[in-house]
Amino acid sequence: MENSQVDVMNSSNQNSLINPLVDHELALRDYTQWRKSLVEEEIMTLEATLQLTEQALTAAYRTLLVMRYRQFNSQQLLDAIDEQAITWSVELPHEYQQGAICY
């Protein structure tokens, strides 16, 4: 029973960890690498990727990344975030800032 609870918690945490990873990779705008990944994963042929607009290529690559990262557990996602040195800011109300600093 305890393991199933852990799996459920990991699943809910997983979705919040995937978005920063995907957004970070999409911000790089490495269209050549995106095409290569789509071809290597046998999702599309090179010719098909070359015919995509930037918007369509971005959508296809975003889908690939989300599906790839959904295979990861929470620890693997955290490791991937660390490897890519991804950071994001968190806005805390003033009354909680001192407690967060002490923590």
PDB file of N, CA and C in Angstrom:
ATOM      1  N   MET A   1       0.830  -1.189   0.000  1.00  0.00           N
ATOM      2  CA  MET A   1       0.000   0.000   0.000  1.00  0.00           C
ATOM      3  C   MET A   1       0.873   1.251   0.000  1.00  0.00           C
ATOM      4  N   GLU A   2       1.907   1.240   0.775  1.00  0.00           N
ATOM      5  CA  GLU A   2       2.780   2.403   0.883  1.00  0.00           C
ATOM      6  C   GLU A   2       3.452   2.724  -0.448  1.00  0.00           C
ATOM      7  N   ASN A   3       3.885   1.709  -1.200  1.00  0.00           N
ATOM      8  CA  ASN A   3       4.517   1.939  -2.496  1.00  0.00           C
ATOM      9  C   ASN A   3       3.568   2.604  -3.483  1.00  0.00           C
ATOM     10  N   SER A   4       2.281   2.214  -3.469  1.00  0.00           N
ATOM     11  CA  SER A   4       1.335   2.831  -4.394  1.00  0.00           C
ATOM     12  C   SER A   4       1.125   4.300  -4.057  1.00  0.00           C
ATOM     13  N   GLN A   5       1.178   4.657  -2.781  1.00  0.00           N
ATOM     14  CA  GLN A   5       1.059   6.061  -2.394  1.00  0.00           C
ATOM     15  C   GLN A   5       2.258   6.853  -2.893  1.00  0.00           C
ATOM     16  N   VAL A   6       3.431   6.273  -2.811  1.00  0.00           N
ATOM     17  CA  VAL A   6       4.633   6.940  -3.303  1.00  0.00           C
ATOM     18  C   VAL A   6       4.536   7.146  -4.804  1.00  0.00           C
ATOM     19  N   ASP A   7       4.057   6.136  -5.540  1.00  0.00           N
ATOM     20  CA  ASP A   7       3.913   6.256  -6.984  1.00  0.00           C
ATOM     21  C   ASP A   7       2.957   7.380  -7.355  1.00  0.00           C
ATOM     22  N   VAL A   8       1.846   7.499  -6.626  1.00  0.00           N
ATOM     23  CA  VAL A   8       0.876   8.558  -6.904  1.00  0.00           C
ATOM     24  C   VAL A   8       1.508   9.918  -6.650  1.00  0.00           C
ATOM     25  N   MET A   9       2.252  10.054  -5.550  1.00  0.00           N
ATOM     26  CA  MET A   9       2.904  11.328  -5.264  1.00  0.00           C
ATOM     27  C   MET A   9       3.923  11.648  -6.342  1.00  0.00           C
ATOM     28  N   ASN A  10       4.680  10.671  -6.764  1.00  0.00           N
ATOM     29  CA  ASN A  10       5.663  10.915  -7.805  1.00  0.00           C
ATOM     30  C   ASN A  10       4.991  11.340  -9.104  1.00  0.00           C
ATOM     31  N   SER A  11       3.864  10.740  -9.410  1.00  0.00           N
ATOM     32  CA  SER A  11       3.150  11.079 -10.637  1.00  0.00           C
ATOM     33  C   SER A  11       2.670  12.526 -10.615  1.00  0.00           C
ATOM     34  N   SER A  12       2.149  12.980  -9.479  1.00  0.00           N
ATOM     35  CA  SER A  12       1.672  14.364  -9.406  1.00  0.00           C
ATOM     36  C   SER A  12       2.831  15.350  -9.425  1.00  0.00           C
ATOM     37  N   ASN A  13       3.938  15.003  -8.796  1.00  0.00           N
ATOM     38  CA  ASN A  13       5.115  15.874  -8.823  1.00  0.00           C
ATOM     39  C   ASN A  13       5.754  15.891 -10.202  1.00  0.00           C
ATOM     40  N   GLN A  14       5.651  14.796 -10.897  1.00  0.00           N
ATOM     41  CA  GLN A  14       6.300  14.646 -12.194  1.00  0.00           C
ATOM     42  C   GLN A  14       5.842  15.717 -13.180  1.00  0.00           C
ATOM     43  N   ASN A  15       4.544  15.981 -13.225  1.00  0.00           N
ATOM     44  CA  ASN A  15       4.030  16.959 -14.181  1.00  0.00           C
ATOM     45  C   ASN A  15       4.604  18.342 -13.933  1.00  0.00           C
ATOM     46  N   SER A  16       4.795  18.726 -12.681  1.00  0.00           N
ATOM     47  CA  SER A  16       5.335  20.054 -12.395  1.00  0.00           C
ATOM     48  C   SER A  16       6.830  20.132 -12.689  1.00  0.00           C
ATOM     49  N   LEU A  17       7.506  19.009 -12.781  1.00  0.00           N
ATOM     50  CA  LEU A  17       8.934  19.004 -13.095  1.00  0.00           C
ATOM     51  C   LEU A  17       9.195  18.938 -14.596  1.00  0.00           C
ATOM     52  N   ILE A  18       8.254  18.419 -15.349  1.00  0.00           N
ATOM     53  CA  ILE A  18       8.448  18.272 -16.792  1.00  0.00           C
ATOM     54  C   ILE A  18       8.458  19.626 -17.498  1.00  0.00           C
ATOM     55  N   ASN A  19       7.550  20.513 -17.126  1.00  0.00           N
ATOM     56  CA  ASN A  19       7.435  21.792 -17.831  1.00  0.00           C
ATOM     57  C   ASN A  19       8.717  22.607 -17.843  1.00  0.00           C
ATOM     58  N   PRO A  20       9.428  22.762 -16.722  1.00  0.00           N
ATOM     59  CA  PRO A  20      10.683  23.529 -16.793  1.00  0.00           C
ATOM     60  C   PRO A  20      11.714  22.894 -17.725  1.00  0.00           C
ATOM     61  N   LEU A  21      11.773  21.577 -17.743  1.00  0.00           N
ATOM     62  CA  LEU A  21      12.709  20.890 -18.641  1.00  0.00           C
ATOM     63  C   LEU A  21      12.356  21.139 -20.099  1.00  0.00           C
ATOM     64  N   VAL A  22      11.099  20.976 -20.423  1.00  0.00           N
ATOM     65  CA  VAL A  22      10.649  21.167 -21.804  1.00  0.00           C
ATOM     66  C   VAL A  22      10.843  22.621 -22.222  1.00  0.00           C
ATOM     67  N   ASP A  23      10.433  23.551 -21.372  1.00  0.00           N
ATOM     68  CA  ASP A  23      10.573  24.975 -21.700  1.00  0.00           C
ATOM     69  C   ASP A  23      12.030  25.358 -21.912  1.00  0.00           C
ATOM     70  N   HIS A  24      12.908  24.808 -21.089  1.00  0.00           N
ATOM     71  CA  HIS A  24      14.335  25.107 -21.219  1.00  0.00           C
ATOM     72  C   HIS A  24      14.866  24.626 -22.570  1.00  0.00           C
ATOM     73  N   GLU A  25      14.535  23.402 -22.932  1.00  0.00           N
ATOM     74  CA  GLU A  25      15.029  22.862 -24.205  1.00  0.00           C
ATOM     75  C   GLU A  25      14.435  23.600 -25.400  1.00  0.00           C
ATOM     76  N   LEU A  26      13.176  23.990 -25.301  1.00  0.00           N
ATOM     77  CA  LEU A  26      12.559  24.724 -26.404  1.00  0.00           C
ATOM     78  C   LEU A  26      13.149  26.126 -26.541  1.00  0.00           C
ATOM     79  N   ALA A  27      13.565  26.715 -25.442  1.00  0.00           N
ATOM     80  CA  ALA A  27      14.149  28.059 -25.483  1.00  0.00           C
ATOM     81  C   ALA A  27      15.471  28.073 -26.248  1.00  0.00           C
ATOM     82  N   LEU A  28      16.131  26.928 -26.343  1.00  0.00           N
ATOM     83  CA  LEU A  28      17.404  26.851 -27.065  1.00  0.00           C
ATOM     84  C   LEU A  28      17.211  27.007 -28.570  1.00  0.00           C
ATOM     85  N   ARG A  29      16.026  26.694 -29.065  1.00  0.00           N
ATOM     86  CA  ARG A  29      15.678  26.831 -30.489  1.00  0.00           C
ATOM     87  C   ARG A  29      16.712  26.191 -31.419  1.00  0.00           C
ATOM     88  N   ASP A  30      17.132  24.985 -31.067  1.00  0.00           N
ATOM     89  CA  ASP A  30      18.099  24.245 -31.878  1.00  0.00           C
ATOM     90  C   ASP A  30      17.334  23.352 -32.855  1.00  0.00           C
ATOM     91  N   TYR A  31      16.830  23.971 -33.918  1.00  0.00           N
ATOM     92  CA  TYR A  31      15.969  23.264 -34.866  1.00  0.00           C
ATOM     93  C   TYR A  31      16.664  22.066 -35.506  1.00  0.00           C
ATOM     94  N   THR A  32      17.951  22.181 -35.758  1.00  0.00           N
ATOM     95  CA  THR A  32      18.690  21.066 -36.356  1.00  0.00           C
ATOM     96  C   THR A  32      18.685  19.865 -35.416  1.00  0.00           C
ATOM     97  N   GLN A  33      18.946  20.107 -34.131  1.00  0.00           N
ATOM     98  CA  GLN A  33      18.933  19.026 -33.146  1.00  0.00           C
ATOM     99  C   GLN A  33      17.530  18.453 -32.992  1.00  0.00           C
ATOM    100  N   TRP A  34      16.533  19.302 -33.048  1.00  0.00           N
ATOM    101  CA  TRP A  34      15.158  18.823 -32.922  1.00  0.00           C
ATOM    102  C   TRP A  34      14.819  17.877 -34.066  1.00  0.00           C
ATOM    103  N   ARG A  35      15.189  18.268 -35.277  1.00  0.00           N
ATOM    104  CA  ARG A  35      14.930  17.405 -36.438  1.00  0.00           C
ATOM    105  C   ARG A  35      15.656  16.068 -36.273  1.00  0.00           C
ATOM    106  N   LYS A  36      16.911  16.157 -35.839  1.00  0.00           N
ATOM    107  CA  LYS A  36      17.713  14.943 -35.642  1.00  0.00           C
ATOM    108  C   LYS A  36      17.045  14.020 -34.621  1.00  0.00           C
ATOM    109  N   SER A  37      16.557  14.584 -33.528  1.00  0.00           N
ATOM    110  CA  SER A  37      15.892  13.778 -32.495  1.00  0.00           C
ATOM    111  C   SER A  37      14.628  13.114 -33.029  1.00  0.00           C
ATOM    112  N   LEU A  38      13.841  13.853 -33.785  1.00  0.00           N
ATOM    113  CA  LEU A  38      12.615  13.285 -34.347  1.00  0.00           C
ATOM    114  C   LEU A  38      12.921  12.144 -35.312  1.00  0.00           C
ATOM    115  N   VAL A  39      14.003  12.278 -36.066  1.00  0.00           N
ATOM    116  CA  VAL A  39      14.411  11.223 -36.997  1.00  0.00           C
ATOM    117  C   VAL A  39      14.968  10.029 -36.222  1.00  0.00           C
ATOM    118  N   GLU A  40      15.835  10.280 -35.238  1.00  0.00           N
ATOM    119  CA  GLU A  40      16.439   9.186 -34.458  1.00  0.00           C
ATOM    120  C   GLU A  40      15.396   8.382 -33.695  1.00  0.00           C
ATOM    121  N   GLU A  41      14.352   9.050 -33.232  1.00  0.00           N
ATOM    122  CA  GLU A  41      13.279   8.352 -32.512  1.00  0.00           C
ATOM    123  C   GLU A  41      12.299   7.682 -33.475  1.00  0.00           C
ATOM    124  N   GLU A  42      12.587   7.806 -34.776  1.00  0.00           N
ATOM    125  CA  GLU A  42      11.767   7.218 -35.836  1.00  0.00           C
ATOM    126  C   GLU A  42      10.328   7.727 -35.805  1.00  0.00           C
ATOM    127  N   ILE A  43      10.189   8.995 -35.452  1.00  0.00           N
ATOM    128  CA  ILE A  43       8.877   9.627 -35.448  1.00  0.00           C
ATOM    129  C   ILE A  43       8.562  10.176 -36.830  1.00  0.00           C
ATOM    130  N   MET A  44       9.578  10.743 -37.472  1.00  0.00           N
ATOM    131  CA  MET A  44       9.413  11.335 -38.797  1.00  0.00           C
ATOM    132  C   MET A  44      10.671  11.074 -39.607  1.00  0.00           C
ATOM    133  N   THR A  45      10.529  11.207 -40.914  1.00  0.00           N
ATOM    134  CA  THR A  45      11.712  11.148 -41.772  1.00  0.00           C
ATOM    135  C   THR A  45      12.348  12.530 -41.798  1.00  0.00           C
ATOM    136  N   LEU A  46      13.598  12.585 -42.207  1.00  0.00           N
ATOM    137  CA  LEU A  46      14.275  13.874 -42.310  1.00  0.00           C
ATOM    138  C   LEU A  46      13.542  14.784 -43.287  1.00  0.00           C
ATOM    139  N   GLU A  47      13.105  14.220 -44.388  1.00  0.00           N
ATOM    140  CA  GLU A  47      12.384  15.007 -45.389  1.00  0.00           C
ATOM    141  C   GLU A  47      11.116  15.614 -44.799  1.00  0.00           C
ATOM    142  N   ALA A  48      10.413  14.832 -44.000  1.00  0.00           N
ATOM    143  CA  ALA A  48       9.181  15.331 -43.381  1.00  0.00           C
ATOM    144  C   ALA A  48       9.483  16.454 -42.389  1.00  0.00           C
ATOM    145  N   THR A  49      10.565  16.314 -41.621  1.00  0.00           N
ATOM    146  CA  THR A  49      10.908  17.371 -40.662  1.00  0.00           C
ATOM    147  C   THR A  49      11.317  18.652 -41.369  1.00  0.00           C
ATOM    148  N   LEU A  50      11.954  18.517 -42.527  1.00  0.00           N
ATOM    149  CA  LEU A  50      12.383  19.703 -43.272  1.00  0.00           C
ATOM    150  C   LEU A  50      11.196  20.470 -43.852  1.00  0.00           C
ATOM    151  N   GLN A  51      10.076  19.802 -44.020  1.00  0.00           N
ATOM    152  CA  GLN A  51       8.887  20.458 -44.566  1.00  0.00           C
ATOM    153  C   GLN A  51       8.046  21.148 -43.492  1.00  0.00           C
ATOM    154  N   LEU A  52       8.363  20.909 -42.224  1.00  0.00           N
ATOM    155  CA  LEU A  52       7.591  21.511 -41.140  1.00  0.00           C
ATOM    156  C   LEU A  52       7.918  22.993 -40.987  1.00  0.00           C
ATOM    157  N   THR A  53       6.910  23.768 -40.634  1.00  0.00           N
ATOM    158  CA  THR A  53       7.157  25.158 -40.254  1.00  0.00           C
ATOM    159  C   THR A  53       7.822  25.153 -38.880  1.00  0.00           C
ATOM    160  N   GLU A  54       8.390  26.274 -38.471  1.00  0.00           N
ATOM    161  CA  GLU A  54       9.007  26.341 -37.142  1.00  0.00           C
ATOM    162  C   GLU A  54       7.984  26.034 -36.056  1.00  0.00           C
ATOM    163  N   GLN A  55       6.764  26.520 -36.237  1.00  0.00           N
ATOM    164  CA  GLN A  55       5.709  26.280 -35.255  1.00  0.00           C
ATOM    165  C   GLN A  55       5.364  24.789 -35.175  1.00  0.00           C
ATOM    166  N   ALA A  56       5.244  24.131 -36.310  1.00  0.00           N
ATOM    167  CA  ALA A  56       4.927  22.701 -36.333  1.00  0.00           C
ATOM    168  C   ALA A  56       6.086  21.878 -35.779  1.00  0.00           C
ATOM    169  N   LEU A  57       7.311  22.273 -36.105  1.00  0.00           N
ATOM    170  CA  LEU A  57       8.482  21.577 -35.579  1.00  0.00           C
ATOM    171  C   LEU A  57       8.547  21.712 -34.065  1.00  0.00           C
ATOM    172  N   THR A  58       8.264  22.910 -33.574  1.00  0.00           N
ATOM    173  CA  THR A  58       8.253  23.140 -32.128  1.00  0.00           C
ATOM    174  C   THR A  58       7.207  22.263 -31.451  1.00  0.00           C
ATOM    175  N   ALA A  59       6.022  22.169 -32.026  1.00  0.00           N
ATOM    176  CA  ALA A  59       4.958  21.333 -31.456  1.00  0.00           C
ATOM    177  C   ALA A  59       5.354  19.858 -31.453  1.00  0.00           C
ATOM    178  N   ALA A  60       5.949  19.396 -32.540  1.00  0.00           N
ATOM    179  CA  ALA A  60       6.370  17.994 -32.622  1.00  0.00           C
ATOM    180  C   ALA A  60       7.457  17.693 -31.598  1.00  0.00           C
ATOM    181  N   TYR A  61       8.426  18.598 -31.475  1.00  0.00           N
ATOM    182  CA  TYR A  61       9.520  18.363 -30.534  1.00  0.00           C
ATOM    183  C   TYR A  61       9.030  18.467 -29.093  1.00  0.00           C
ATOM    184  N   ARG A  62       8.124  19.413 -28.820  1.00  0.00           N
ATOM    185  CA  ARG A  62       7.547  19.530 -27.475  1.00  0.00           C
ATOM    186  C   ARG A  62       6.867  18.219 -27.087  1.00  0.00           C
ATOM    187  N   THR A  63       6.106  17.658 -28.015  1.00  0.00           N
ATOM    188  CA  THR A  63       5.420  16.394 -27.752  1.00  0.00           C
ATOM    189  C   THR A  63       6.421  15.282 -27.473  1.00  0.00           C
ATOM    190  N   LEU A  64       7.487  15.223 -28.258  1.00  0.00           N
ATOM    191  CA  LEU A  64       8.531  14.221 -28.039  1.00  0.00           C
ATOM    192  C   LEU A  64       9.124  14.358 -26.638  1.00  0.00           C
ATOM    193  N   LEU A  65       9.453  15.587 -26.246  1.00  0.00           N
ATOM    194  CA  LEU A  65      10.054  15.800 -24.931  1.00  0.00           C
ATOM    195  C   LEU A  65       9.109  15.404 -23.803  1.00  0.00           C
ATOM    196  N   VAL A  66       7.859  15.818 -23.910  1.00  0.00           N
ATOM    197  CA  VAL A  66       6.895  15.487 -22.859  1.00  0.00           C
ATOM    198  C   VAL A  66       6.747  13.976 -22.740  1.00  0.00           C
ATOM    199  N   MET A  67       6.626  13.291 -23.858  1.00  0.00           N
ATOM    200  CA  MET A  67       6.489  11.833 -23.815  1.00  0.00           C
ATOM    201  C   MET A  67       7.749  11.174 -23.262  1.00  0.00           C
ATOM    202  N   ARG A  68       8.904  11.707 -23.611  1.00  0.00           N
ATOM    203  CA  ARG A  68      10.171  11.173 -23.102  1.00  0.00           C
ATOM    204  C   ARG A  68      10.246  11.359 -21.586  1.00  0.00           C
ATOM    205  N   TYR A  69       9.958  12.569 -21.114  1.00  0.00           N
ATOM    206  CA  TYR A  69      10.088  12.852 -19.685  1.00  0.00           C
ATOM    207  C   TYR A  69       9.007  12.177 -18.849  1.00  0.00           C
ATOM    208  N   ARG A  70       7.881  11.831 -19.437  1.00  0.00           N
ATOM    209  CA  ARG A  70       6.855  11.101 -18.691  1.00  0.00           C
ATOM    210  C   ARG A  70       7.311   9.684 -18.347  1.00  0.00           C
ATOM    211  N   GLN A  71       8.328   9.210 -19.032  1.00  0.00           N
ATOM    212  CA  GLN A  71       8.894   7.893 -18.735  1.00  0.00           C
ATOM    213  C   GLN A  71       9.789   7.942 -17.493  1.00  0.00           C
ATOM    214  N   PHE A  72      10.223   9.141 -17.094  1.00  0.00           N
ATOM    215  CA  PHE A  72      11.148   9.320 -15.977  1.00  0.00           C
ATOM    216  C   PHE A  72      10.388   9.304 -14.655  1.00  0.00           C
ATOM    217  N   ASN A  73      11.065   8.851 -13.597  1.00  0.00           N
ATOM    218  CA  ASN A  73      10.506   9.033 -12.265  1.00  0.00           C
ATOM    219  C   ASN A  73      10.950  10.411 -11.753  1.00  0.00           C
ATOM    220  N   SER A  74      10.448  10.813 -10.599  1.00  0.00           N
ATOM    221  CA  SER A  74      10.740  12.160 -10.089  1.00  0.00           C
ATOM    222  C   SER A  74      12.231  12.390  -9.892  1.00  0.00           C
ATOM    223  N   GLN A  75      12.943  11.402  -9.400  1.00  0.00           N
ATOM    224  CA  GLN A  75      14.382  11.581  -9.172  1.00  0.00           C
ATOM    225  C   GLN A  75      15.127  11.770 -10.487  1.00  0.00           C
ATOM    226  N   GLN A  76      14.753  11.018 -11.506  1.00  0.00           N
ATOM    227  CA  GLN A  76      15.389  11.187 -12.818  1.00  0.00           C
ATOM    228  C   GLN A  76      15.109  12.580 -13.381  1.00  0.00           C
ATOM    229  N   LEU A  77      13.897  13.086 -13.162  1.00  0.00           N
ATOM    230  CA  LEU A  77      13.574  14.443 -13.612  1.00  0.00           C
ATOM    231  C   LEU A  77      14.419  15.476 -12.872  1.00  0.00           C
ATOM    232  N   LEU A  78      14.553  15.311 -11.557  1.00  0.00           N
ATOM    233  CA  LEU A  78      15.385  16.236 -10.778  1.00  0.00           C
ATOM    234  C   LEU A  78      16.836  16.180 -11.234  1.00  0.00           C
ATOM    235  N   ASP A  79      17.318  14.990 -11.528  1.00  0.00           N
ATOM    236  CA  ASP A  79      18.690  14.850 -12.035  1.00  0.00           C
ATOM    237  C   ASP A  79      18.854  15.560 -13.380  1.00  0.00           C
ATOM    238  N   ALA A  80      17.866  15.424 -14.256  1.00  0.00           N
ATOM    239  CA  ALA A  80      17.925  16.092 -15.561  1.00  0.00           C
ATOM    240  C   ALA A  80      17.904  17.607 -15.395  1.00  0.00           C
ATOM    241  N   ILE A  81      17.120  18.100 -14.443  1.00  0.00           N
ATOM    242  CA  ILE A  81      17.082  19.536 -14.159  1.00  0.00           C
ATOM    243  C   ILE A  81      18.442  20.003 -13.665  1.00  0.00           C
ATOM    244  N   ASP A  82      19.063  19.227 -12.780  1.00  0.00           N
ATOM    245  CA  ASP A  82      20.407  19.569 -12.284  1.00  0.00           C
ATOM    246  C   ASP A  82      21.437  19.551 -13.409  1.00  0.00           C
ATOM    247  N   GLU A  83      21.392  18.531 -14.249  1.00  0.00           N
ATOM    248  CA  GLU A  83      22.356  18.411 -15.351  1.00  0.00           C
ATOM    249  C   GLU A  83      22.299  19.609 -16.288  1.00  0.00           C
ATOM    250  N   GLN A  84      21.102  20.117 -16.507  1.00  0.00           N
ATOM    251  CA  GLN A  84      20.941  21.245 -17.422  1.00  0.00           C
ATOM    252  C   GLN A  84      21.017  22.591 -16.702  1.00  0.00           C
ATOM    253  N   ALA A  85      21.251  22.547 -15.397  1.00  0.00           N
ATOM    254  CA  ALA A  85      21.379  23.761 -14.575  1.00  0.00           C
ATOM    255  C   ALA A  85      20.172  24.680 -14.746  1.00  0.00           C
ATOM    256  N   ILE A  86      18.998  24.102 -14.673  1.00  0.00           N
ATOM    257  CA  ILE A  86      17.765  24.873 -14.822  1.00  0.00           C
ATOM    258  C   ILE A  86      17.381  25.450 -13.464  1.00  0.00           C
ATOM    259  N   THR A  87      17.088  26.732 -13.464  1.00  0.00           N
ATOM    260  CA  THR A  87      16.615  27.395 -12.247  1.00  0.00           C
ATOM    261  C   THR A  87      15.363  28.190 -12.588  1.00  0.00           C
ATOM    262  N   TRP A  88      14.550  28.437 -11.588  1.00  0.00           N
ATOM    263  CA  TRP A  88      13.404  29.312 -11.770  1.00  0.00           C
ATOM    264  C   TRP A  88      13.143  30.001 -10.448  1.00  0.00           C
ATOM    265  N   SER A  89      12.561  31.182 -10.543  1.00  0.00           N
ATOM    266  CA  SER A  89      12.319  31.967  -9.339  1.00  0.00           C
ATOM    267  C   SER A  89      10.958  31.616  -8.757  1.00  0.00           C
ATOM    268  N   VAL A  90      10.863  31.791  -7.458  1.00  0.00           N
ATOM    269  CA  VAL A  90       9.622  31.545  -6.745  1.00  0.00           C
ATOM    270  C   VAL A  90       9.277  32.824  -6.003  1.00  0.00           C
ATOM    271  N   GLU A  91       8.082  33.318  -6.213  1.00  0.00           N
ATOM    272  CA  GLU A  91       7.630  34.527  -5.534  1.00  0.00           C
ATOM    273  C   GLU A  91       6.968  34.139  -4.217  1.00  0.00           C
ATOM    274  N   LEU A  92       7.551  34.602  -3.116  1.00  0.00           N
ATOM    275  CA  LEU A  92       6.979  34.349  -1.800  1.00  0.00           C
ATOM    276  C   LEU A  92       6.436  35.655  -1.239  1.00  0.00           C
ATOM    277  N   PRO A  93       5.273  35.603  -0.591  1.00  0.00           N
ATOM    278  CA  PRO A  93       4.785  36.806   0.080  1.00  0.00           C
ATOM    279  C   PRO A  93       5.805  37.259   1.124  1.00  0.00           C
ATOM    280  N   HIS A  94       5.843  38.550   1.371  1.00  0.00           N
ATOM    281  CA  HIS A  94       6.838  39.143   2.266  1.00  0.00           C
ATOM    282  C   HIS A  94       6.880  38.453   3.634  1.00  0.00           C
ATOM    283  N   GLU A  95       5.702  38.111   4.183  1.00  0.00           N
ATOM    284  CA  GLU A  95       5.661  37.525   5.528  1.00  0.00           C
ATOM    285  C   GLU A  95       6.295  36.130   5.589  1.00  0.00           C
ATOM    286  N   TYR A  96       6.488  35.472   4.449  1.00  0.00           N
ATOM    287  CA  TYR A  96       7.095  34.142   4.431  1.00  0.00           C
ATOM    288  C   TYR A  96       8.571  34.155   4.029  1.00  0.00           C
ATOM    289  N   GLN A  97       9.064  35.278   3.561  1.00  0.00           N
ATOM    290  CA  GLN A  97      10.428  35.324   3.047  1.00  0.00           C
ATOM    291  C   GLN A  97      11.469  35.020   4.116  1.00  0.00           C
ATOM    292  N   GLN A  98      11.340  35.579   5.308  1.00  0.00           N
ATOM    293  CA  GLN A  98      12.329  35.340   6.359  1.00  0.00           C
ATOM    294  C   GLN A  98      12.355  33.868   6.754  1.00  0.00           C
ATOM    295  N   GLY A  99      11.192  33.251   6.865  1.00  0.00           N
ATOM    296  CA  GLY A  99      11.132  31.830   7.199  1.00  0.00           C
ATOM    297  C   GLY A  99      11.768  30.972   6.127  1.00  0.00           C
ATOM    298  N   ALA A 100      11.565  31.342   4.884  1.00  0.00           N
ATOM    299  CA  ALA A 100      12.160  30.587   3.782  1.00  0.00           C
ATOM    300  C   ALA A 100      13.670  30.726   3.782  1.00  0.00           C
ATOM    301  N   ILE A 101      14.167  31.910   4.104  1.00  0.00           N
ATOM    302  CA  ILE A 101      15.613  32.134   4.164  1.00  0.00           C
ATOM    303  C   ILE A 101      16.222  31.307   5.287  1.00  0.00           C
ATOM    304  N   CYS A 102      15.543  31.264   6.432  1.00  0.00           N
ATOM    305  CA  CYS A 102      16.051  30.487   7.571  1.00  0.00           C
ATOM    306  C   CYS A 102      16.030  28.995   7.289  1.00  0.00           C
ATOM    307  N   TYR A 103      15.057  28.562   6.533  1.00  0.00           N
ATOM    308  CA  TYR A 103      14.922  27.147   6.236  1.00  0.00           C
ATOM    309  C   TYR A 103      16.053  26.702   5.372  1.00  0.00           C
TER     310      TYR A 103
END
